[in-house]
Amino acid sequence: MANSDTNPRSVTEQAGDPPIDSVHRALVLLKALRDDRTLGVKDAAEMLGVAPSTAHRLLNALCYDGFAVQGRERRYRLGPEFRPDETRPLSISDLRAAVRPAIEDLSAQIGETVHVWIRQGPLLYWVDGVEGTAPAHVKPSGWDRVPAYASAAGKALLSELTNKQLEDVFAAGLPPARSSRIHDLRSLKRHLTAVRSRGYAISIEESAQGVDGVAVCAKDSLGRPVFAISLAIPSSRFDRAALPTYVDSLRVAVERTEEALGRSAGR
């Protein structure tokens, strides 16, 4: 008589099937990423023979622990846990050298003041800028320690974080910003969902009266948010119909800087 305690799973495991499907699937994805492949959710789903929602969940889990990163085109590649040689912190001098030609051209093209920002915790710090040439332009000096959620650049950078990371950044609450329309973490998360969808952020007199902003986040070779480039435009001249032009020009400047930083890191 057969033993009624026989575990069917143990039989399949002895036959060579993976004991835990989710672990096996994650390892399959890691092997693909290790071979310098980039994967979209659809690619991963077809490779594993699973639903796109399952593939998306697995890829996000790999990103959470640093085994994968998601790039600008929503494709995934190998993360910093497997590429420690590319995790050298970026110095401010390196960033300024890489970004300067791009922001000078951007300001000359649009005529407005351009700023470059980095985020430290809940605050933004000004790194560099080019003064605009249009009449009554925004002055590039006097900007520092701005609440990240109250500016276009800050929102562009924050949009690259997970909800858990946002909760850690604002564990002590949102620093005061009288002109911001965002008053708590819940409304910030909701707002950043829209920023992620658009791929750029705007602010309307949130960090300074009479100043509007448009910004795009720049990433390093591992897909991590590093800095943001923003246009600072007088509210009286801010034209929503020109947003596509602003955003396209910002993206060109960001891509130029990312490429310059990549060449610098490869030396």
C-alpha atoms as a PDB file:
ATOM      1  CA  MET A   1       0.000   0.000   0.000  1.00  0.00           C
ATOM      2  CA  ALA A   2       1.307   3.453  -0.858  1.00  0.00           C
ATOM      3  CA  ASN A   3       2.385   5.691   1.969  1.00  0.00           C
ATOM      4  CA  SER A   4      -0.393   8.244   2.465  1.00  0.00           C
ATOM      5  CA  ASP A   5       2.173  10.729   3.821  1.00  0.00           C
ATOM      6  CA  THR A   6       3.992  10.947   0.509  1.00  0.00           C
ATOM      7  CA  ASN A   7       4.382  14.631  -0.406  1.00  0.00           C
ATOM      8  CA  PRO A   8       3.703  15.179  -4.126  1.00  0.00           C
ATOM      9  CA  ARG A   9       5.891  18.281  -4.040  1.00  0.00           C
ATOM     10  CA  SER A  10       8.897  16.324  -2.830  1.00  0.00           C
ATOM     11  CA  VAL A  11       8.468  13.971  -5.804  1.00  0.00           C
ATOM     12  CA  THR A  12       8.539  16.836  -8.295  1.00  0.00           C
ATOM     13  CA  GLU A  13      11.518  18.379  -6.524  1.00  0.00           C
ATOM     14  CA  GLN A  14      13.410  15.094  -6.831  1.00  0.00           C
ATOM     15  CA  ALA A  15      12.619  15.154 -10.529  1.00  0.00           C
ATOM     16  CA  GLY A  16      14.509  18.410 -10.798  1.00  0.00           C
ATOM     17  CA  ASP A  17      11.708  21.009 -10.739  1.00  0.00           C
ATOM     18  CA  PRO A  18      12.465  24.236  -8.820  1.00  0.00           C
ATOM     19  CA  PRO A  19      11.281  24.039  -5.187  1.00  0.00           C
ATOM     20  CA  ILE A  20       9.990  27.632  -5.153  1.00  0.00           C
ATOM     21  CA  ASP A  21       8.670  29.000  -8.430  1.00  0.00           C
ATOM     22  CA  SER A  22       9.063  32.680  -7.555  1.00  0.00           C
ATOM     23  CA  VAL A  23      12.742  32.249  -6.603  1.00  0.00           C
ATOM     24  CA  HIS A  24      13.413  30.320  -9.796  1.00  0.00           C
ATOM     25  CA  ARG A  25      11.713  32.986 -11.894  1.00  0.00           C
ATOM     26  CA  ALA A  26      13.669  35.773 -10.215  1.00  0.00           C
ATOM     27  CA  LEU A  27      16.919  33.934 -10.914  1.00  0.00           C
ATOM     28  CA  VAL A  28      15.954  33.476 -14.569  1.00  0.00           C
ATOM     29  CA  LEU A  29      15.449  37.251 -14.828  1.00  0.00           C
ATOM     30  CA  LEU A  30      18.777  37.914 -13.099  1.00  0.00           C
ATOM     31  CA  LYS A  31      20.590  35.638 -15.540  1.00  0.00           C
ATOM     32  CA  ALA A  32      19.092  37.570 -18.443  1.00  0.00           C
ATOM     33  CA  LEU A  33      20.030  40.917 -16.898  1.00  0.00           C
ATOM     34  CA  ARG A  34      23.536  39.637 -16.129  1.00  0.00           C
ATOM     35  CA  ASP A  35      24.081  39.075 -19.847  1.00  0.00           C
ATOM     36  CA  ASP A  36      23.711  42.850 -20.383  1.00  0.00           C
ATOM     37  CA  ARG A  37      20.141  42.517 -21.554  1.00  0.00           C
ATOM     38  CA  THR A  38      17.435  45.026 -20.785  1.00  0.00           C
ATOM     39  CA  LEU A  39      13.942  43.732 -20.175  1.00  0.00           C
ATOM     40  CA  GLY A  40      10.510  45.257 -20.430  1.00  0.00           C
ATOM     41  CA  VAL A  41       7.620  43.790 -18.476  1.00  0.00           C
ATOM     42  CA  LYS A  42       6.277  42.128 -21.617  1.00  0.00           C
ATOM     43  CA  ASP A  43       9.694  40.592 -22.378  1.00  0.00           C
ATOM     44  CA  ALA A  44       9.958  39.201 -18.859  1.00  0.00           C
ATOM     45  CA  ALA A  45       6.415  37.818 -18.942  1.00  0.00           C
ATOM     46  CA  GLU A  46       7.053  35.996 -22.227  1.00  0.00           C
ATOM     47  CA  MET A  47      10.383  34.648 -20.995  1.00  0.00           C
ATOM     48  CA  LEU A  48       8.838  33.240 -17.820  1.00  0.00           C
ATOM     49  CA  GLY A  49       5.489  32.218 -19.297  1.00  0.00           C
ATOM     50  CA  VAL A  50       3.575  34.248 -16.719  1.00  0.00           C
ATOM     51  CA  ALA A  51       1.125  37.145 -16.683  1.00  0.00           C
ATOM     52  CA  PRO A  52       2.596  40.673 -17.075  1.00  0.00           C
ATOM     53  CA  SER A  53       1.406  41.524 -13.544  1.00  0.00           C
ATOM     54  CA  THR A  54       3.501  38.663 -12.145  1.00  0.00           C
ATOM     55  CA  ALA A  55       6.553  39.722 -14.160  1.00  0.00           C
ATOM     56  CA  HIS A  56       6.115  43.324 -13.021  1.00  0.00           C
ATOM     57  CA  ARG A  57       5.946  42.206  -9.390  1.00  0.00           C
ATOM     58  CA  LEU A  58       9.143  40.175  -9.726  1.00  0.00           C
ATOM     59  CA  LEU A  59      11.034  43.001 -11.440  1.00  0.00           C
ATOM     60  CA  ASN A  60       9.955  45.470  -8.759  1.00  0.00           C
ATOM     61  CA  ALA A  61      11.154  43.058  -6.067  1.00  0.00           C
ATOM     62  CA  LEU A  62      14.571  42.900  -7.741  1.00  0.00           C
ATOM     63  CA  CYS A  63      14.687  46.703  -7.906  1.00  0.00           C
ATOM     64  CA  TYR A  64      13.775  47.045  -4.229  1.00  0.00           C
ATOM     65  CA  ASP A  65      16.912  45.138  -3.181  1.00  0.00           C
ATOM     66  CA  GLY A  66      19.206  46.744  -5.746  1.00  0.00           C
ATOM     67  CA  PHE A  67      19.488  43.737  -8.050  1.00  0.00           C
ATOM     68  CA  ALA A  68      17.823  45.603 -10.929  1.00  0.00           C
ATOM     69  CA  VAL A  69      17.062  49.208 -11.890  1.00  0.00           C
ATOM     70  CA  GLN A  70      14.455  50.693 -14.188  1.00  0.00           C
ATOM     71  CA  GLY A  71      15.668  53.085 -16.853  1.00  0.00           C
ATOM     72  CA  ARG A  72      14.036  56.052 -18.553  1.00  0.00           C
ATOM     73  CA  GLU A  73      12.349  53.856 -21.180  1.00  0.00           C
ATOM     74  CA  ARG A  74      10.672  51.710 -18.472  1.00  0.00           C
ATOM     75  CA  ARG A  75      13.085  48.881 -19.196  1.00  0.00           C
ATOM     76  CA  TYR A  76      15.043  47.064 -16.519  1.00  0.00           C
ATOM     77  CA  ARG A  77      18.758  46.339 -16.321  1.00  0.00           C
ATOM     78  CA  LEU A  78      21.230  44.937 -13.805  1.00  0.00           C
ATOM     79  CA  GLY A  79      21.383  46.903 -10.558  1.00  0.00           C
ATOM     80  CA  PRO A  80      24.173  48.172  -8.280  1.00  0.00           C
ATOM     81  CA  GLU A  81      24.303  45.010  -6.158  1.00  0.00           C
ATOM     82  CA  PHE A  82      25.934  43.301  -9.138  1.00  0.00           C
ATOM     83  CA  ARG A  83      27.835  46.319 -10.455  1.00  0.00           C
ATOM     84  CA  PRO A  84      29.796  47.701  -7.475  1.00  0.00           C
ATOM     85  CA  ASP A  85      32.434  49.179  -9.789  1.00  0.00           C
ATOM     86  CA  GLU A  86      29.864  51.745 -10.959  1.00  0.00           C
ATOM     87  CA  THR A  87      28.691  52.966  -7.572  1.00  0.00           C
ATOM     88  CA  ARG A  88      31.320  55.674  -7.007  1.00  0.00           C
ATOM     89  CA  PRO A  89      29.588  58.760  -5.590  1.00  0.00           C
ATOM     90  CA  LEU A  90      29.308  61.658  -8.023  1.00  0.00           C
ATOM     91  CA  SER A  91      31.214  64.747  -6.922  1.00  0.00           C
ATOM     92  CA  ILE A  92      29.753  68.235  -7.310  1.00  0.00           C
ATOM     93  CA  SER A  93      32.725  69.289  -9.438  1.00  0.00           C
ATOM     94  CA  ASP A  94      32.149  66.313 -11.776  1.00  0.00           C
ATOM     95  CA  LEU A  95      28.486  67.226 -12.068  1.00  0.00           C
ATOM     96  CA  ARG A  96      29.152  70.899 -12.760  1.00  0.00           C
ATOM     97  CA  ALA A  97      31.726  70.066 -15.434  1.00  0.00           C
ATOM     98  CA  ALA A  98      29.363  67.643 -17.148  1.00  0.00           C
ATOM     99  CA  VAL A  99      26.219  69.746 -16.971  1.00  0.00           C
ATOM    100  CA  ARG A 100      27.579  73.198 -17.824  1.00  0.00           C
ATOM    101  CA  PRO A 101      27.659  72.959 -21.665  1.00  0.00           C
ATOM    102  CA  ALA A 102      24.152  71.493 -21.740  1.00  0.00           C
ATOM    103  CA  ILE A 103      22.554  74.111 -19.485  1.00  0.00           C
ATOM    104  CA  GLU A 104      24.282  76.970 -21.291  1.00  0.00           C
ATOM    105  CA  ASP A 105      22.810  75.774 -24.581  1.00  0.00           C
ATOM    106  CA  LEU A 106      19.406  75.201 -22.949  1.00  0.00           C
ATOM    107  CA  SER A 107      19.278  78.721 -21.529  1.00  0.00           C
ATOM    108  CA  ALA A 108      20.364  80.223 -24.857  1.00  0.00           C
ATOM    109  CA  GLN A 109      17.669  78.263 -26.690  1.00  0.00           C
ATOM    110  CA  ILE A 110      14.762  79.046 -24.336  1.00  0.00           C
ATOM    111  CA  GLY A 111      15.964  82.420 -23.031  1.00  0.00           C
ATOM    112  CA  GLU A 112      15.110  81.545 -19.424  1.00  0.00           C
ATOM    113  CA  THR A 113      17.181  80.855 -16.328  1.00  0.00           C
ATOM    114  CA  VAL A 114      18.269  77.242 -15.845  1.00  0.00           C
ATOM    115  CA  HIS A 115      18.983  75.628 -12.478  1.00  0.00           C
ATOM    116  CA  VAL A 116      20.617  72.335 -11.504  1.00  0.00           C
ATOM    117  CA  TRP A 117      19.605  70.747  -8.191  1.00  0.00           C
ATOM    118  CA  ILE A 118      20.462  67.763  -6.038  1.00  0.00           C
ATOM    119  CA  ARG A 119      18.352  66.367  -3.203  1.00  0.00           C
ATOM    120  CA  GLN A 120      19.561  65.652   0.311  1.00  0.00           C
ATOM    121  CA  GLY A 121      16.789  64.215   2.416  1.00  0.00           C
ATOM    122  CA  PRO A 122      13.660  66.385   2.202  1.00  0.00           C
ATOM    123  CA  LEU A 123      15.530  69.449   0.880  1.00  0.00           C
ATOM    124  CA  LEU A 124      16.979  70.590  -2.439  1.00  0.00           C
ATOM    125  CA  TYR A 125      20.403  72.146  -2.831  1.00  0.00           C
ATOM    126  CA  TRP A 126      21.352  74.411  -5.717  1.00  0.00           C
ATOM    127  CA  VAL A 127      24.385  73.169  -7.684  1.00  0.00           C
ATOM    128  CA  ASP A 128      24.700  75.410 -10.743  1.00  0.00           C
ATOM    129  CA  GLY A 129      22.724  77.727 -12.964  1.00  0.00           C
ATOM    130  CA  VAL A 130      22.757  79.933 -16.046  1.00  0.00           C
ATOM    131  CA  GLU A 131      21.034  83.302 -16.082  1.00  0.00           C
ATOM    132  CA  GLY A 132      18.350  83.819 -18.713  1.00  0.00           C
ATOM    133  CA  THR A 133      18.450  86.469 -21.414  1.00  0.00           C
ATOM    134  CA  ALA A 134      14.707  87.149 -21.728  1.00  0.00           C
ATOM    135  CA  PRO A 135      13.350  90.382 -20.197  1.00  0.00           C
ATOM    136  CA  ALA A 136      12.572  90.243 -16.474  1.00  0.00           C
ATOM    137  CA  HIS A 137      14.114  86.786 -16.141  1.00  0.00           C
ATOM    138  CA  VAL A 138      14.521  84.944 -12.856  1.00  0.00           C
ATOM    139  CA  LYS A 139      17.831  85.585 -11.110  1.00  0.00           C
ATOM    140  CA  PRO A 140      19.936  82.416 -10.725  1.00  0.00           C
ATOM    141  CA  SER A 141      21.357  83.263  -7.300  1.00  0.00           C
ATOM    142  CA  GLY A 142      19.826  83.104  -3.830  1.00  0.00           C
ATOM    143  CA  TRP A 143      18.343  79.618  -4.185  1.00  0.00           C
ATOM    144  CA  ASP A 144      19.154  76.922  -1.651  1.00  0.00           C
ATOM    145  CA  ARG A 145      17.601  74.550   0.863  1.00  0.00           C
ATOM    146  CA  VAL A 146      14.232  74.496  -0.853  1.00  0.00           C
ATOM    147  CA  PRO A 147      11.666  71.894   0.357  1.00  0.00           C
ATOM    148  CA  ALA A 148      11.859  69.237  -2.346  1.00  0.00           C
ATOM    149  CA  TYR A 149       8.101  68.709  -2.620  1.00  0.00           C
ATOM    150  CA  ALA A 150       7.540  72.433  -3.262  1.00  0.00           C
ATOM    151  CA  SER A 151       9.532  72.760  -6.484  1.00  0.00           C
ATOM    152  CA  ALA A 152       9.527  71.247  -9.948  1.00  0.00           C
ATOM    153  CA  ALA A 153      13.071  69.881  -9.589  1.00  0.00           C
ATOM    154  CA  GLY A 154      12.309  68.344  -6.211  1.00  0.00           C
ATOM    155  CA  LYS A 155       9.144  66.678  -7.442  1.00  0.00           C
ATOM    156  CA  ALA A 156      11.007  65.291 -10.469  1.00  0.00           C
ATOM    157  CA  LEU A 157      13.586  63.730  -8.130  1.00  0.00           C
ATOM    158  CA  LEU A 158      11.048  62.485  -5.588  1.00  0.00           C
ATOM    159  CA  SER A 159       8.983  60.835  -8.314  1.00  0.00           C
ATOM    160  CA  GLU A 160      11.804  58.311  -8.776  1.00  0.00           C
ATOM    161  CA  LEU A 161      11.390  57.014  -5.212  1.00  0.00           C
ATOM    162  CA  THR A 162       9.093  54.251  -4.023  1.00  0.00           C
ATOM    163  CA  ASN A 163       6.338  55.020  -1.518  1.00  0.00           C
ATOM    164  CA  LYS A 164       8.414  53.357   1.208  1.00  0.00           C
ATOM    165  CA  GLN A 165      11.396  55.553   0.361  1.00  0.00           C
ATOM    166  CA  LEU A 166       9.167  58.642   0.438  1.00  0.00           C
ATOM    167  CA  GLU A 167       7.946  57.662   3.893  1.00  0.00           C
ATOM    168  CA  ASP A 168      11.547  57.402   5.070  1.00  0.00           C
ATOM    169  CA  VAL A 169      12.511  60.773   3.564  1.00  0.00           C
ATOM    170  CA  PHE A 170       9.547  62.528   5.190  1.00  0.00           C
ATOM    171  CA  ALA A 171       9.446  60.508   8.418  1.00  0.00           C
ATOM    172  CA  ALA A 172       9.455  63.784  10.374  1.00  0.00           C
ATOM    173  CA  GLY A 173       6.719  65.284   8.196  1.00  0.00           C
ATOM    174  CA  LEU A 174       6.849  67.699   5.293  1.00  0.00           C
ATOM    175  CA  PRO A 175       8.968  70.814   5.976  1.00  0.00           C
ATOM    176  CA  PRO A 176       6.884  73.993   5.781  1.00  0.00           C
ATOM    177  CA  ALA A 177       6.313  75.596   2.390  1.00  0.00           C
ATOM    178  CA  ARG A 178       3.533  78.175   2.575  1.00  0.00           C
ATOM    179  CA  SER A 179       2.814  78.377  -1.141  1.00  0.00           C
ATOM    180  CA  SER A 180       2.684  74.646  -1.840  1.00  0.00           C
ATOM    181  CA  ARG A 181      -0.626  72.991  -2.588  1.00  0.00           C
ATOM    182  CA  ILE A 182       0.726  69.762  -1.087  1.00  0.00           C
ATOM    183  CA  HIS A 183       0.172  69.547   2.666  1.00  0.00           C
ATOM    184  CA  ASP A 184       0.731  65.917   3.651  1.00  0.00           C
ATOM    185  CA  LEU A 185       2.444  62.734   2.504  1.00  0.00           C
ATOM    186  CA  ARG A 186      -0.740  61.261   1.099  1.00  0.00           C
ATOM    187  CA  SER A 187      -1.321  64.192  -1.257  1.00  0.00           C
ATOM    188  CA  LEU A 188       2.386  64.152  -2.201  1.00  0.00           C
ATOM    189  CA  LYS A 189       2.220  60.475  -3.192  1.00  0.00           C
ATOM    190  CA  ARG A 190      -0.885  61.167  -5.286  1.00  0.00           C
ATOM    191  CA  HIS A 191       0.802  64.122  -6.995  1.00  0.00           C
ATOM    192  CA  LEU A 192       3.977  62.147  -7.744  1.00  0.00           C
ATOM    193  CA  THR A 193       1.945  59.439  -9.460  1.00  0.00           C
ATOM    194  CA  ALA A 194       1.034  62.035 -12.100  1.00  0.00           C
ATOM    195  CA  VAL A 195       4.655  63.226 -12.327  1.00  0.00           C
ATOM    196  CA  ARG A 196       5.857  59.656 -12.986  1.00  0.00           C
ATOM    197  CA  SER A 197       3.255  59.244 -15.703  1.00  0.00           C
ATOM    198  CA  ARG A 198       4.286  62.488 -17.454  1.00  0.00           C
ATOM    199  CA  GLY A 199       8.022  62.118 -16.986  1.00  0.00           C
ATOM    200  CA  TYR A 200       8.446  65.742 -15.898  1.00  0.00           C
ATOM    201  CA  ALA A 201       7.304  68.024 -13.068  1.00  0.00           C
ATOM    202  CA  ILE A 202       5.976  71.563 -12.890  1.00  0.00           C
ATOM    203  CA  SER A 203       5.506  74.050 -10.075  1.00  0.00           C
ATOM    204  CA  ILE A 204       3.316  77.137 -10.070  1.00  0.00           C
ATOM    205  CA  GLU A 205       4.636  79.740  -7.622  1.00  0.00           C
ATOM    206  CA  GLU A 206       5.325  77.002  -5.065  1.00  0.00           C
ATOM    207  CA  SER A 207       8.948  77.730  -4.173  1.00  0.00           C
ATOM    208  CA  ALA A 208       8.851  81.476  -4.850  1.00  0.00           C
ATOM    209  CA  GLN A 209       6.160  84.028  -5.593  1.00  0.00           C
ATOM    210  CA  GLY A 210       6.002  84.969  -9.273  1.00  0.00           C
ATOM    211  CA  VAL A 211       8.167  82.031 -10.411  1.00  0.00           C
ATOM    212  CA  ASP A 212       7.005  78.861 -12.194  1.00  0.00           C
ATOM    213  CA  GLY A 213       9.184  75.882 -12.978  1.00  0.00           C
ATOM    214  CA  VAL A 214       9.510  72.846 -15.226  1.00  0.00           C
ATOM    215  CA  ALA A 215      12.014  70.079 -14.456  1.00  0.00           C
ATOM    216  CA  VAL A 216      13.282  66.690 -15.587  1.00  0.00           C
ATOM    217  CA  CYS A 217      15.239  64.225 -13.463  1.00  0.00           C
ATOM    218  CA  ALA A 218      18.636  62.888 -14.561  1.00  0.00           C
ATOM    219  CA  LYS A 219      19.926  59.435 -13.612  1.00  0.00           C
ATOM    220  CA  ASP A 220      23.271  57.706 -13.389  1.00  0.00           C
ATOM    221  CA  SER A 221      24.250  54.598 -15.347  1.00  0.00           C
ATOM    222  CA  LEU A 222      22.430  52.428 -12.806  1.00  0.00           C
ATOM    223  CA  GLY A 223      19.168  54.294 -13.204  1.00  0.00           C
ATOM    224  CA  ARG A 224      19.363  56.079  -9.856  1.00  0.00           C
ATOM    225  CA  PRO A 225      18.075  59.686  -9.634  1.00  0.00           C
ATOM    226  CA  VAL A 226      21.054  62.001  -9.229  1.00  0.00           C
ATOM    227  CA  PHE A 227      20.039  65.569 -10.072  1.00  0.00           C
ATOM    228  CA  ALA A 228      17.370  67.577 -11.858  1.00  0.00           C
ATOM    229  CA  ILE A 229      17.568  70.352 -14.420  1.00  0.00           C
ATOM    230  CA  SER A 230      14.836  72.971 -14.239  1.00  0.00           C
ATOM    231  CA  LEU A 231      13.670  76.052 -16.100  1.00  0.00           C
ATOM    232  CA  ALA A 232      12.718  78.975 -13.862  1.00  0.00           C
ATOM    233  CA  ILE A 233      10.202  81.159 -15.659  1.00  0.00           C
ATOM    234  CA  PRO A 234       8.381  84.312 -14.484  1.00  0.00           C
ATOM    235  CA  SER A 235       4.728  83.412 -13.877  1.00  0.00           C
ATOM    236  CA  SER A 236       3.645  86.299 -16.085  1.00  0.00           C
ATOM    237  CA  ARG A 237       5.394  84.650 -19.042  1.00  0.00           C
ATOM    238  CA  PHE A 238       4.825  80.963 -18.271  1.00  0.00           C
ATOM    239  CA  ASP A 239       2.980  79.432 -21.216  1.00  0.00           C
ATOM    240  CA  ARG A 240       1.393  75.997 -20.721  1.00  0.00           C
ATOM    241  CA  ALA A 241       1.070  75.658 -24.481  1.00  0.00           C
ATOM    242  CA  ALA A 242       4.876  75.754 -24.657  1.00  0.00           C
ATOM    243  CA  LEU A 243       5.289  72.868 -22.180  1.00  0.00           C
ATOM    244  CA  PRO A 244       6.161  70.303 -24.892  1.00  0.00           C
ATOM    245  CA  THR A 245       8.972  72.578 -26.084  1.00  0.00           C
ATOM    246  CA  TYR A 246      10.238  73.153 -22.546  1.00  0.00           C
ATOM    247  CA  VAL A 247      10.181  69.438 -21.729  1.00  0.00           C
ATOM    248  CA  ASP A 248      11.814  68.307 -24.981  1.00  0.00           C
ATOM    249  CA  SER A 249      14.622  70.830 -24.492  1.00  0.00           C
ATOM    250  CA  LEU A 250      15.107  69.762 -20.867  1.00  0.00           C
ATOM    251  CA  ARG A 251      15.295  66.106 -21.886  1.00  0.00           C
ATOM    252  CA  VAL A 252      17.965  66.872 -24.468  1.00  0.00           C
ATOM    253  CA  ALA A 253      20.012  68.677 -21.792  1.00  0.00           C
ATOM    254  CA  VAL A 254      19.535  65.804 -19.337  1.00  0.00           C
ATOM    255  CA  GLU A 255      20.555  63.173 -21.895  1.00  0.00           C
ATOM    256  CA  ARG A 256      23.649  65.163 -22.866  1.00  0.00           C
ATOM    257  CA  THR A 257      24.679  65.398 -19.235  1.00  0.00           C
ATOM    258  CA  GLU A 258      24.006  61.715 -18.553  1.00  0.00           C
ATOM    259  CA  GLU A 259      26.181  60.789 -21.539  1.00  0.00           C
ATOM    260  CA  ALA A 260      28.972  63.122 -20.373  1.00  0.00           C
ATOM    261  CA  LEU A 261      28.881  61.622 -16.882  1.00  0.00           C
ATOM    262  CA  GLY A 262      28.935  58.125 -18.372  1.00  0.00           C
ATOM    263  CA  ARG A 263      32.065  58.954 -20.407  1.00  0.00           C
ATOM    264  CA  SER A 264      33.679  60.477 -17.313  1.00  0.00           C
ATOM    265  CA  ALA A 265      32.960  57.363 -15.245  1.00  0.00           C
ATOM    266  CA  GLY A 266      34.415  55.148 -17.952  1.00  0.00           C
ATOM    267  CA  ARG A 267      37.784  56.828 -17.962  1.00  0.00           C
END
